[in-house]
Amino acid sequence: MGIVCWLIIISYFLVCIFIGYWASKKESTQDFLIGSHKVGFFQTTSSIFAVAGGEILIAGAALGFEYGFNALWLWVGTSIGLIGLAFAAKHIRSVAGKNNFMIITDYLFEKYDYKCTVLAAIILFIGFFALLSAQFIAGASLFAPIINVNYSLLFIIIGF
C-alpha cells in the first residue's frame, strides 16, 4: 500500500479524533447520550441504520460466506427487534422525556422493579457486545485485504 493511502487513512482518523474532541467541549454528557430529548424520528432511525449498515453490508456478507443460509437468522432477529422497538418507541420516549430517563433500564426500573432492571441490563450488555463484535468483524473484513494483514490479528487490533 502506497504512502498516499496511508496518509488518507491517518488523516481520516485525525479528523475523527478532532471532531470528537471538539464535540466533547460543546456538549454535556446528557446531550451526548440522549440528545437532550430533542432527536427526532428521522435522526434516530438514520443513526440506527448507519450502525446496522456496517454490519449488514460487510459483516453480514462475511458471515453469509462463512456460515451460509444460517447467517440469515441474525438479521431476522434484528429486524423483529427493530419492528418491536418501533411500536414501543413513542410511548417510551414520552415517559422518558417527562422523567428525564437516560437509558431504557431507567424506564424499566420505574415501571417494574430492580430484578427486571438487572435482567434488562444483562440482555442489553449481550446485545451491545454482539453489535460491537459485528463492527469488529466488519472492520477486519474490510481492512484485512486492503493492508494485507491477517484477519484474526486485525480483529484483535480493532478490538483494542
Protein backbone atom coordinates (compact mmCIF):
# COMPACT_ATOMS: atom_id res chain seq x y z
CA MET A 1 0.00 0.00 0.00
CA GLY A 2 1.38 3.37 -1.01
CA ILE A 3 2.15 6.41 1.07
CA VAL A 4 -0.91 8.23 -0.29
CA CYS A 5 -3.25 5.54 1.08
CA TRP A 6 -1.57 5.67 4.49
CA LEU A 7 -1.83 9.47 4.54
CA ILE A 8 -5.53 9.29 3.71
CA ILE A 9 -6.18 6.73 6.46
CA ILE A 10 -4.17 8.66 9.06
CA SER A 11 -5.84 11.94 8.04
CA TYR A 12 -9.26 10.35 8.38
CA PHE A 13 -8.50 9.11 11.90
CA LEU A 14 -7.08 12.51 12.92
CA VAL A 15 -10.18 14.28 11.63
CA CYS A 16 -12.40 11.85 13.59
CA ILE A 17 -10.39 12.46 16.77
CA PHE A 18 -10.57 16.24 16.26
CA ILE A 19 -14.34 16.15 15.72
CA GLY A 20 -14.78 14.03 18.86
CA TYR A 21 -12.63 16.41 20.92
CA TRP A 22 -14.41 19.49 19.55
CA ALA A 23 -17.85 18.00 20.21
CA SER A 24 -16.88 16.98 23.76
CA LYS A 25 -16.21 20.64 24.59
CA LYS A 26 -19.59 21.80 23.22
CA GLU A 27 -21.97 19.24 24.70
CA SER A 28 -22.80 17.95 28.15
CA THR A 29 -22.90 14.24 28.91
CA GLN A 30 -26.70 14.29 28.76
CA ASP A 31 -26.62 15.99 25.36
CA PHE A 32 -24.23 13.34 24.09
CA LEU A 33 -26.16 10.36 25.46
CA ILE A 34 -29.74 11.34 24.69
CA GLY A 35 -29.60 14.44 22.53
CA SER A 36 -31.43 16.46 25.22
CA HIS A 37 -34.59 14.53 24.22
CA LYS A 38 -34.71 16.60 21.02
CA VAL A 39 -33.67 13.96 18.49
CA GLY A 40 -36.49 13.19 16.10
CA PHE A 41 -37.66 10.04 14.38
CA PHE A 42 -35.62 10.60 11.22
CA GLN A 43 -32.36 11.22 13.09
CA THR A 44 -32.91 8.21 15.36
CA THR A 45 -33.69 5.78 12.55
CA SER A 46 -30.81 7.16 10.46
CA SER A 47 -28.44 6.57 13.36
CA ILE A 48 -29.68 3.02 13.90
CA PHE A 49 -29.37 2.14 10.23
CA ALA A 50 -25.94 3.79 9.94
CA VAL A 51 -24.65 1.44 12.62
CA ALA A 52 -26.54 -1.53 11.19
CA GLY A 53 -25.30 -0.68 7.70
CA GLY A 54 -21.75 -1.71 8.53
CA GLU A 55 -22.99 -4.97 9.88
CA ILE A 56 -25.36 -5.77 7.05
CA LEU A 57 -23.04 -4.85 4.20
CA ILE A 58 -19.70 -6.06 5.50
CA ALA A 59 -20.10 -8.37 8.48
CA GLY A 60 -23.29 -9.86 7.04
CA ALA A 61 -21.52 -10.70 3.81
CA ALA A 62 -18.61 -12.24 5.72
CA LEU A 63 -20.91 -14.28 7.97
CA GLY A 64 -23.02 -15.33 4.99
CA PHE A 65 -19.95 -16.51 3.15
CA GLU A 66 -18.71 -18.46 6.17
CA TYR A 67 -21.99 -19.89 7.52
CA GLY A 68 -24.28 -19.77 4.50
CA PHE A 69 -28.04 -19.60 5.00
CA ASN A 70 -27.71 -19.91 8.79
CA ALA A 71 -26.34 -16.35 8.99
CA LEU A 72 -29.74 -15.06 7.86
CA TRP A 73 -31.25 -15.69 11.29
CA LEU A 74 -29.13 -12.92 12.80
CA TRP A 75 -30.80 -10.40 10.50
CA VAL A 76 -34.27 -11.88 11.01
CA GLY A 77 -33.86 -11.43 14.76
CA THR A 78 -32.52 -7.90 14.32
CA SER A 79 -35.47 -6.99 12.07
CA ILE A 80 -38.02 -8.35 14.53
CA GLY A 81 -36.34 -6.41 17.34
CA LEU A 82 -36.38 -3.17 15.36
CA ILE A 83 -40.05 -3.61 14.46
CA GLY A 84 -40.87 -4.20 18.13
CA LEU A 85 -38.88 -1.10 19.05
CA ALA A 86 -40.82 0.96 16.51
CA PHE A 87 -44.10 0.10 18.24
CA ALA A 88 -42.82 0.90 21.74
CA ALA A 89 -40.58 3.87 20.97
CA LYS A 90 -43.17 6.66 21.02
CA HIS A 91 -44.53 5.68 24.46
CA ILE A 92 -41.07 5.15 25.94
CA ARG A 93 -39.88 8.49 24.58
CA SER A 94 -42.78 10.41 26.10
CA VAL A 95 -42.28 8.79 29.51
CA ALA A 96 -38.51 9.26 29.30
CA GLY A 97 -38.91 12.94 28.50
CA LYS A 98 -41.20 13.53 31.48
CA ASN A 99 -39.00 11.63 33.94
CA ASN A 100 -35.61 12.58 32.46
CA PHE A 101 -34.55 8.97 31.86
CA MET A 102 -31.14 8.41 30.29
CA ILE A 103 -31.36 4.75 29.28
CA ILE A 104 -34.04 2.11 28.79
CA THR A 105 -33.28 0.47 32.12
CA ASP A 106 -34.37 3.68 33.89
CA TYR A 107 -37.78 3.24 32.26
CA LEU A 108 -37.96 -0.43 33.25
CA PHE A 109 -36.99 0.37 36.84
CA GLU A 110 -39.77 2.93 37.05
CA LYS A 111 -42.36 0.61 35.50
CA TYR A 112 -41.36 -2.71 37.10
CA ASP A 113 -38.71 -3.43 39.72
CA TYR A 114 -35.00 -3.90 40.33
CA LYS A 115 -34.93 -7.54 39.14
CA CYS A 116 -36.32 -6.54 35.75
CA THR A 117 -33.70 -3.81 35.51
CA VAL A 118 -30.87 -6.26 36.19
CA LEU A 119 -32.24 -8.70 33.60
CA ALA A 120 -32.58 -5.87 31.05
CA ALA A 121 -29.02 -4.72 31.77
CA ILE A 122 -27.69 -8.22 31.14
CA ILE A 123 -29.67 -8.54 27.90
CA LEU A 124 -28.51 -5.08 26.77
CA PHE A 125 -24.91 -5.97 27.55
CA ILE A 126 -25.13 -9.13 25.46
CA GLY A 127 -26.85 -7.26 22.62
CA PHE A 128 -24.36 -4.41 22.55
CA PHE A 129 -21.48 -6.87 22.81
CA ALA A 130 -22.85 -8.62 19.72
CA LEU A 131 -23.23 -5.26 17.96
CA LEU A 132 -19.67 -4.32 18.85
CA SER A 133 -18.40 -7.70 17.69
CA ALA A 134 -20.17 -7.23 14.36
CA GLN A 135 -18.41 -3.89 13.96
CA PHE A 136 -15.06 -5.59 14.64
CA ILE A 137 -15.90 -8.24 12.05
CA ALA A 138 -16.84 -5.52 9.55
CA GLY A 139 -13.65 -3.57 10.18
CA ALA A 140 -11.39 -6.61 9.98
CA SER A 141 -13.18 -7.90 6.85
CA LEU A 142 -12.80 -4.52 5.18
CA PHE A 143 -9.23 -3.66 6.09
CA ALA A 144 -7.51 -7.09 6.13
CA PRO A 145 -7.29 -7.36 2.33
CA ILE A 146 -6.50 -3.66 1.89
CA ILE A 147 -3.49 -3.53 4.21
CA ASN A 148 -2.57 -7.20 3.74
CA VAL A 149 -2.75 -8.19 7.43
CA ASN A 150 -4.07 -11.43 8.90
CA TYR A 151 -7.84 -11.17 9.56
CA SER A 152 -7.63 -12.60 13.11
CA LEU A 153 -4.79 -10.28 14.08
CA LEU A 154 -6.63 -7.28 12.66
CA PHE A 155 -9.81 -8.28 14.52
CA ILE A 156 -7.85 -8.18 17.79
CA ILE A 157 -6.17 -4.88 16.90
CA ILE A 158 -9.51 -3.24 16.05
CA GLY A 159 -10.89 -4.56 19.33
CA PHE A 160 -8.28 -2.68 21.30
